[in-house]
PDB file of N, CA and C in Angstrom:
ATOM      1  N   MET A   1     -25.096   4.399 -30.186  1.00  0.00           N
ATOM      2  CA  MET A   1     -24.704   4.883 -28.910  1.00  0.00           C
ATOM      3  C   MET A   1     -24.815   3.541 -28.010  1.00  0.00           C
ATOM      4  N   ARG A   2     -25.709   2.717 -28.493  1.00  0.00           N
ATOM      5  CA  ARG A   2     -25.920   1.750 -27.758  1.00  0.00           C
ATOM      6  C   ARG A   2     -24.450   0.551 -27.551  1.00  0.00           C
ATOM      7  N   ASP A   3     -23.443   0.878 -28.426  1.00  0.00           N
ATOM      8  CA  ASP A   3     -22.036   0.222 -28.153  1.00  0.00           C
ATOM      9  C   ASP A   3     -21.447   0.704 -26.919  1.00  0.00           C
ATOM     10  N   LEU A   4     -21.618   2.005 -26.880  1.00  0.00           N
ATOM     11  CA  LEU A   4     -21.017   2.905 -25.457  1.00  0.00           C
ATOM     12  C   LEU A   4     -21.902   2.435 -24.341  1.00  0.00           C
ATOM     13  N   ASP A   5     -22.992   2.195 -24.317  1.00  0.00           N
ATOM     14  CA  ASP A   5     -23.905   1.592 -23.422  1.00  0.00           C
ATOM     15  C   ASP A   5     -23.572   0.471 -22.556  1.00  0.00           C
ATOM     16  N   LEU A   6     -23.134  -0.002 -23.929  1.00  0.00           N
ATOM     17  CA  LEU A   6     -22.473  -1.792 -23.225  1.00  0.00           C
ATOM     18  C   LEU A   6     -21.302  -2.210 -22.976  1.00  0.00           C
ATOM     19  N   LEU A   7     -20.492  -0.938 -23.145  1.00  0.00           N
ATOM     20  CA  LEU A   7     -19.011  -0.509 -22.522  1.00  0.00           C
ATOM     21  C   LEU A   7     -19.253  -0.327 -21.258  1.00  0.00           C
ATOM     22  N   ASN A   8     -20.018   0.772 -21.374  1.00  0.00           N
ATOM     23  CA  ASN A   8     -20.178   1.372 -19.910  1.00  0.00           C
ATOM     24  C   ASN A   8     -20.697   0.023 -18.836  1.00  0.00           C
ATOM     25  N   GLU A   9     -21.640  -1.127 -19.062  1.00  0.00           N
ATOM     26  CA  GLU A   9     -22.162  -1.873 -18.416  1.00  0.00           C
ATOM     27  C   GLU A   9     -20.997  -2.780 -17.787  1.00  0.00           C
ATOM     28  N   TYR A  10     -20.012  -2.949 -18.900  1.00  0.00           N
ATOM     29  CA  TYR A  10     -18.810  -3.829 -19.037  1.00  0.00           C
ATOM     30  C   TYR A  10     -18.353  -3.240 -17.711  1.00  0.00           C
ATOM     31  N   LEU A  11     -17.877  -2.163 -17.896  1.00  0.00           N
ATOM     32  CA  LEU A  11     -16.886  -1.322 -17.298  1.00  0.00           C
ATOM     33  C   LEU A  11     -17.464  -1.186 -15.651  1.00  0.00           C
ATOM     34  N   VAL A  12     -18.305  -1.478 -15.466  1.00  0.00           N
ATOM     35  CA  VAL A  12     -19.424  -1.050 -14.407  1.00  0.00           C
ATOM     36  C   VAL A  12     -18.926  -2.581 -13.441  1.00  0.00           C
ATOM     37  N   ARG A  13     -19.297  -3.774 -14.396  1.00  0.00           N
ATOM     38  CA  ARG A  13     -18.880  -5.226 -13.631  1.00  0.00           C
ATOM     39  C   ARG A  13     -17.941  -5.294 -13.467  1.00  0.00           C
ATOM     40  N   LEU A  14     -16.818  -4.892 -14.310  1.00  0.00           N
ATOM     41  CA  LEU A  14     -15.396  -5.262 -14.189  1.00  0.00           C
ATOM     42  C   LEU A  14     -14.746  -4.506 -13.098  1.00  0.00           C
ATOM     43  N   ARG A  15     -15.330  -3.507 -12.460  1.00  0.00           N
ATOM     44  CA  ARG A  15     -14.831  -2.402 -11.429  1.00  0.00           C
ATOM     45  C   ARG A  15     -15.596  -3.227 -10.205  1.00  0.00           C
ATOM     46  N   GLN A  16     -16.451  -3.744 -10.220  1.00  0.00           N
ATOM     47  CA  GLN A  16     -17.328  -4.617  -8.961  1.00  0.00           C
ATOM     48  C   GLN A  16     -16.096  -5.874  -8.855  1.00  0.00           C
ATOM     49  N   GLU A  17     -15.995  -6.471 -10.023  1.00  0.00           N
ATOM     50  CA  GLU A  17     -15.272  -7.637  -9.781  1.00  0.00           C
ATOM     51  C   GLU A  17     -14.135  -7.544  -9.389  1.00  0.00           C
ATOM     52  N   ARG A  18     -13.235  -6.737  -9.756  1.00  0.00           N
ATOM     53  CA  ARG A  18     -12.045  -6.019  -9.093  1.00  0.00           C
ATOM     54  C   ARG A  18     -11.951  -5.518  -7.792  1.00  0.00           C
ATOM     55  N   LEU A  19     -12.922  -4.876  -7.522  1.00  0.00           N
ATOM     56  CA  LEU A  19     -12.957  -4.404  -5.845  1.00  0.00           C
ATOM     57  C   LEU A  19     -13.357  -5.853  -5.205  1.00  0.00           C
ATOM     58  N   GLN A  20     -14.346  -6.693  -5.580  1.00  0.00           N
ATOM     59  CA  GLN A  20     -14.349  -7.894  -4.726  1.00  0.00           C
ATOM     60  C   GLN A  20     -13.215  -8.651  -4.588  1.00  0.00           C
ATOM     61  N   THR A  21     -12.682  -8.675  -5.850  1.00  0.00           N
ATOM     62  CA  THR A  21     -11.474  -9.605  -5.617  1.00  0.00           C
ATOM     63  C   THR A  21     -10.536  -8.647  -4.826  1.00  0.00           C
ATOM     64  N   ALA A  22     -10.214  -7.790  -4.410  1.00  0.00           N
ATOM     65  CA  ALA A  22      -9.440  -7.207  -3.797  1.00  0.00           C
ATOM     66  C   ALA A  22      -9.762  -7.164  -2.355  1.00  0.00           C
ATOM     67  N   HIS A  23     -11.235  -6.988  -1.852  1.00  0.00           N
ATOM     68  CA  HIS A  23     -11.678  -7.615  -0.443  1.00  0.00           C
ATOM     69  C   HIS A  23     -11.628  -8.825  -0.114  1.00  0.00           C
ATOM     70  N   ASN A  24     -11.952  -9.761  -1.112  1.00  0.00           N
ATOM     71  CA  ASN A  24     -11.428 -11.107  -0.886  1.00  0.00           C
ATOM     72  C   ASN A  24     -10.034 -11.225  -0.468  1.00  0.00           C
ATOM     73  N   GLN A  25      -8.870 -10.839  -1.010  1.00  0.00           N
ATOM     74  CA  GLN A  25      -7.326 -10.712  -0.762  1.00  0.00           C
ATOM     75  C   GLN A  25      -7.470 -10.315   0.486  1.00  0.00           C
ATOM     76  N   ALA A  26      -8.200  -9.149   1.188  1.00  0.00           N
ATOM     77  CA  ALA A  26      -7.735  -8.435   1.862  1.00  0.00           C
ATOM     78  C   ALA A  26      -8.479  -9.581   3.407  1.00  0.00           C
ATOM     79  N   ILE A  27      -8.998 -10.147   3.192  1.00  0.00           N
ATOM     80  CA  ILE A  27      -9.712 -11.147   4.079  1.00  0.00           C
ATOM     81  C   ILE A  27      -9.162 -12.268   4.097  1.00  0.00           C
ATOM     82  N   ALA A  28      -8.260 -12.429   3.654  1.00  0.00           N
ATOM     83  CA  ALA A  28      -7.775 -13.921   3.447  1.00  0.00           C
ATOM     84  C   ALA A  28      -6.891 -13.819   4.350  1.00  0.00           C
ATOM     85  N   ASN A  29      -6.404 -15.082   4.415  1.00  0.00           N
ATOM     86  CA  ASN A  29      -5.332 -15.437   5.980  1.00  0.00           C
ATOM     87  C   ASN A  29      -4.017 -15.102   5.834  1.00  0.00           C
ATOM     88  N   GLU A  30      -3.666 -14.871   4.596  1.00  0.00           N
ATOM     89  CA  GLU A  30      -2.470 -14.385   4.536  1.00  0.00           C
ATOM     90  C   GLU A  30      -2.216 -13.543   3.057  1.00  0.00           C
ATOM     91  N   PRO A  31      -2.719 -12.279   3.404  1.00  0.00           N
ATOM     92  CA  PRO A  31      -3.314 -11.025   2.361  1.00  0.00           C
ATOM     93  C   PRO A  31      -2.200 -10.429   1.697  1.00  0.00           C
ATOM     94  N   SER A  32      -2.023 -10.309   0.385  1.00  0.00           N
ATOM     95  CA  SER A  32      -0.591  -9.621  -0.221  1.00  0.00           C
ATOM     96  C   SER A  32      -1.075  -8.241  -0.466  1.00  0.00           C
ATOM     97  N   LEU A  33      -0.292  -7.212   0.201  1.00  0.00           N
ATOM     98  CA  LEU A  33      -1.183  -5.794   0.006  1.00  0.00           C
ATOM     99  C   LEU A  33      -0.848  -5.459  -1.655  1.00  0.00           C
ATOM    100  N   LEU A  34       0.188  -5.970  -1.824  1.00  0.00           N
ATOM    101  CA  LEU A  34       0.451  -5.469  -3.914  1.00  0.00           C
ATOM    102  C   LEU A  34      -0.591  -6.297  -4.283  1.00  0.00           C
ATOM    103  N   GLU A  35      -1.009  -7.363  -4.405  1.00  0.00           N
ATOM    104  CA  GLU A  35      -2.376  -7.864  -4.987  1.00  0.00           C
ATOM    105  C   GLU A  35      -3.620  -7.039  -4.753  1.00  0.00           C
ATOM    106  N   ILE A  36      -3.889  -6.655  -3.407  1.00  0.00           N
ATOM    107  CA  ILE A  36      -4.569  -5.905  -3.049  1.00  0.00           C
ATOM    108  C   ILE A  36      -4.830  -4.276  -4.013  1.00  0.00           C
ATOM    109  N   ARG A  37      -3.394  -3.650  -3.635  1.00  0.00           N
ATOM    110  CA  ARG A  37      -3.491  -2.472  -4.376  1.00  0.00           C
ATOM    111  C   ARG A  37      -3.550  -2.729  -5.863  1.00  0.00           C
ATOM    112  N   VAL A  38      -3.302  -3.521  -6.705  1.00  0.00           N
ATOM    113  CA  VAL A  38      -3.276  -3.889  -7.714  1.00  0.00           C
ATOM    114  C   VAL A  38      -4.817  -3.758  -8.637  1.00  0.00           C
ATOM    115  N   CYS A  39      -5.208  -4.635  -7.720  1.00  0.00           N
ATOM    116  CA  CYS A  39      -6.816  -5.098  -7.896  1.00  0.00           C
ATOM    117  C   CYS A  39      -7.725  -3.322  -7.590  1.00  0.00           C
ATOM    118  N   ALA A  40      -7.271  -2.857  -6.618  1.00  0.00           N
ATOM    119  CA  ALA A  40      -7.735  -1.501  -6.309  1.00  0.00           C
ATOM    120  C   ALA A  40      -7.390  -0.397  -7.682  1.00  0.00           C
ATOM    121  N   ARG A  41      -6.390  -0.390  -8.003  1.00  0.00           N
ATOM    122  CA  ARG A  41      -6.094   0.608  -8.887  1.00  0.00           C
ATOM    123  C   ARG A  41      -6.403  -0.012 -10.659  1.00  0.00           C
ATOM    124  N   GLU A  42      -6.815  -1.293 -10.473  1.00  0.00           N
ATOM    125  CA  GLU A  42      -7.823  -1.540 -11.936  1.00  0.00           C
ATOM    126  C   GLU A  42      -8.994  -1.005 -11.446  1.00  0.00           C
ATOM    127  N   ALA A  43      -9.310  -1.378 -10.301  1.00  0.00           N
ATOM    128  CA  ALA A  43     -10.667  -0.518 -10.335  1.00  0.00           C
ATOM    129  C   ALA A  43     -11.142   0.576 -10.606  1.00  0.00           C
ATOM    130  N   GLU A  44     -10.059   1.518 -10.281  1.00  0.00           N
ATOM    131  CA  GLU A  44     -10.334   2.938 -10.284  1.00  0.00           C
ATOM    132  C   GLU A  44      -9.866   3.337 -12.166  1.00  0.00           C
ATOM    133  N   LEU A  45      -8.844   2.272 -12.823  1.00  0.00           N
ATOM    134  CA  LEU A  45      -8.533   2.535 -13.876  1.00  0.00           C
ATOM    135  C   LEU A  45     -10.019   2.415 -14.835  1.00  0.00           C
ATOM    136  N   CYS A  46     -10.781   1.487 -14.274  1.00  0.00           N
ATOM    137  CA  CYS A  46     -12.193   1.300 -14.781  1.00  0.00           C
ATOM    138  C   CYS A  46     -13.130   2.431 -15.167  1.00  0.00           C
ATOM    139  N   THR A  47     -12.863   2.875 -13.633  1.00  0.00           N
ATOM    140  CA  THR A  47     -13.683   4.526 -13.441  1.00  0.00           C
ATOM    141  C   THR A  47     -13.159   5.433 -14.351  1.00  0.00           C
ATOM    142  N   ARG A  48     -12.325   5.336 -14.332  1.00  0.00           N
ATOM    143  CA  ARG A  48     -11.820   6.711 -15.385  1.00  0.00           C
ATOM    144  C   ARG A  48     -11.952   6.450 -16.612  1.00  0.00           C
ATOM    145  N   ILE A  49     -11.827   5.209 -17.033  1.00  0.00           N
ATOM    146  CA  ILE A  49     -12.017   4.953 -18.543  1.00  0.00           C
ATOM    147  C   ILE A  49     -13.744   5.191 -18.669  1.00  0.00           C
ATOM    148  N   ARG A  50     -14.513   4.626 -17.660  1.00  0.00           N
ATOM    149  CA  ARG A  50     -16.004   4.743 -17.917  1.00  0.00           C
ATOM    150  C   ARG A  50     -16.317   5.983 -18.037  1.00  0.00           C
ATOM    151  N   GLU A  51     -15.608   7.093 -16.828  1.00  0.00           N
ATOM    152  CA  GLU A  51     -15.929   8.629 -17.223  1.00  0.00           C
ATOM    153  C   GLU A  51     -15.463   9.087 -18.555  1.00  0.00           C
ATOM    154  N   ALA A  52     -14.922   8.849 -19.069  1.00  0.00           N
ATOM    155  CA  ALA A  52     -14.128   8.895 -20.099  1.00  0.00           C
ATOM    156  C   ALA A  52     -15.054   8.705 -21.732  1.00  0.00           C
ATOM    157  N   VAL A  53     -15.590   7.385 -21.261  1.00  0.00           N
ATOM    158  CA  VAL A  53     -16.819   7.017 -22.029  1.00  0.00           C
ATOM    159  C   VAL A  53     -17.987   8.144 -22.284  1.00  0.00           C
ATOM    160  N   VAL A  54     -18.333   8.467 -21.145  1.00  0.00           N
ATOM    161  CA  VAL A  54     -19.742   8.982 -20.822  1.00  0.00           C
ATOM    162  C   VAL A  54     -19.494  10.548 -21.433  1.00  0.00           C
ATOM    163  N   VAL A  55     -18.110  11.043 -21.456  1.00  0.00           N
ATOM    164  CA  VAL A  55     -17.835  12.414 -21.962  1.00  0.00           C
ATOM    165  C   VAL A  55     -17.854  11.925 -23.747  1.00  0.00           C
ATOM    166  N   LEU A  56     -17.061  11.124 -24.144  1.00  0.00           N
ATOM    167  CA  LEU A  56     -17.454  10.970 -25.488  1.00  0.00           C
ATOM    168  C   LEU A  56     -18.673  10.813 -25.660  1.00  0.00           C
ATOM    169  N   ALA A  57     -19.740  10.249 -25.685  1.00  0.00           N
ATOM    170  CA  ALA A  57     -21.170   9.976 -25.610  1.00  0.00           C
ATOM    171  C   ALA A  57     -21.667  11.075 -25.664  1.00  0.00           C
ATOM    172  N   ARG A  58     -21.524  12.327 -25.032  1.00  0.00           N
ATOM    173  CA  ARG A  58     -22.142  13.343 -24.752  1.00  0.00           C
ATOM    174  C   ARG A  58     -21.514  14.373 -25.897  1.00  0.00           C
ATOM    175  N   ASP A  59     -20.140  14.713 -25.942  1.00  0.00           N
ATOM    176  CA  ASP A  59     -19.541  15.728 -27.049  1.00  0.00           C
ATOM    177  C   ASP A  59     -18.453  15.166 -26.819  1.00  0.00           C
ATOM    178  N   PRO A  60     -18.376  14.492 -28.237  1.00  0.00           N
ATOM    179  CA  PRO A  60     -17.003  14.192 -28.860  1.00  0.00           C
ATOM    180  C   PRO A  60     -15.873  15.256 -29.163  1.00  0.00           C
ATOM    181  N   GLY A  61     -16.234  16.365 -28.994  1.00  0.00           N
ATOM    182  CA  GLY A  61     -15.214  17.247 -29.212  1.00  0.00           C
ATOM    183  C   GLY A  61     -14.717  17.559 -27.663  1.00  0.00           C
ATOM    184  N   LYS A  62     -15.353  17.916 -26.747  1.00  0.00           N
ATOM    185  CA  LYS A  62     -14.813  17.586 -25.245  1.00  0.00           C
ATOM    186  C   LYS A  62     -13.779  16.781 -25.220  1.00  0.00           C
ATOM    187  N   PHE A  63     -14.387  15.372 -25.757  1.00  0.00           N
ATOM    188  CA  PHE A  63     -13.159  14.039 -25.532  1.00  0.00           C
ATOM    189  C   PHE A  63     -12.176  14.381 -26.083  1.00  0.00           C
ATOM    190  N   LEU A  64     -11.818  14.996 -27.104  1.00  0.00           N
ATOM    191  CA  LEU A  64     -10.794  15.237 -27.797  1.00  0.00           C
ATOM    192  C   LEU A  64     -10.133  16.125 -27.300  1.00  0.00           C
ATOM    193  N   GLN A  65     -10.313  17.545 -26.610  1.00  0.00           N
ATOM    194  CA  GLN A  65      -9.959  18.313 -25.848  1.00  0.00           C
ATOM    195  C   GLN A  65      -9.584  17.707 -24.908  1.00  0.00           C
ATOM    196  N   GLU A  66     -10.008  17.037 -23.986  1.00  0.00           N
ATOM    197  CA  GLU A  66      -9.880  16.248 -22.822  1.00  0.00           C
ATOM    198  C   GLU A  66      -9.066  15.610 -22.694  1.00  0.00           C
ATOM    199  N   PHE A  67      -9.246  14.308 -23.080  1.00  0.00           N
ATOM    200  CA  PHE A  67      -8.125  13.284 -22.793  1.00  0.00           C
ATOM    201  C   PHE A  67      -7.396  12.931 -24.388  1.00  0.00           C
ATOM    202  N   LEU A  68      -7.418  13.541 -25.405  1.00  0.00           N
ATOM    203  CA  LEU A  68      -6.451  13.246 -26.552  1.00  0.00           C
ATOM    204  C   LEU A  68      -6.040  14.753 -27.313  1.00  0.00           C
ATOM    205  N   PRO A  69      -5.515  15.684 -26.243  1.00  0.00           N
ATOM    206  CA  PRO A  69      -4.703  17.141 -26.486  1.00  0.00           C
ATOM    207  C   PRO A  69      -3.692  16.645 -27.826  1.00  0.00           C
TER     208      PRO A  69
END
């Protein structure tokens, strides 16, 4: 389970990094809407993966049913 905790921590930090990048791009002199959206989607994906890892840690059977039908 320690491995899953480390993965969770990594995903939290990666999400924060992507959101910070999107924020920095948004306040730039010439912001690129596409780049901002990509970073936001990456942050959202980190959240979804993290939620799946939590389910896997608690109940592998539920993980299989929910994420690997």
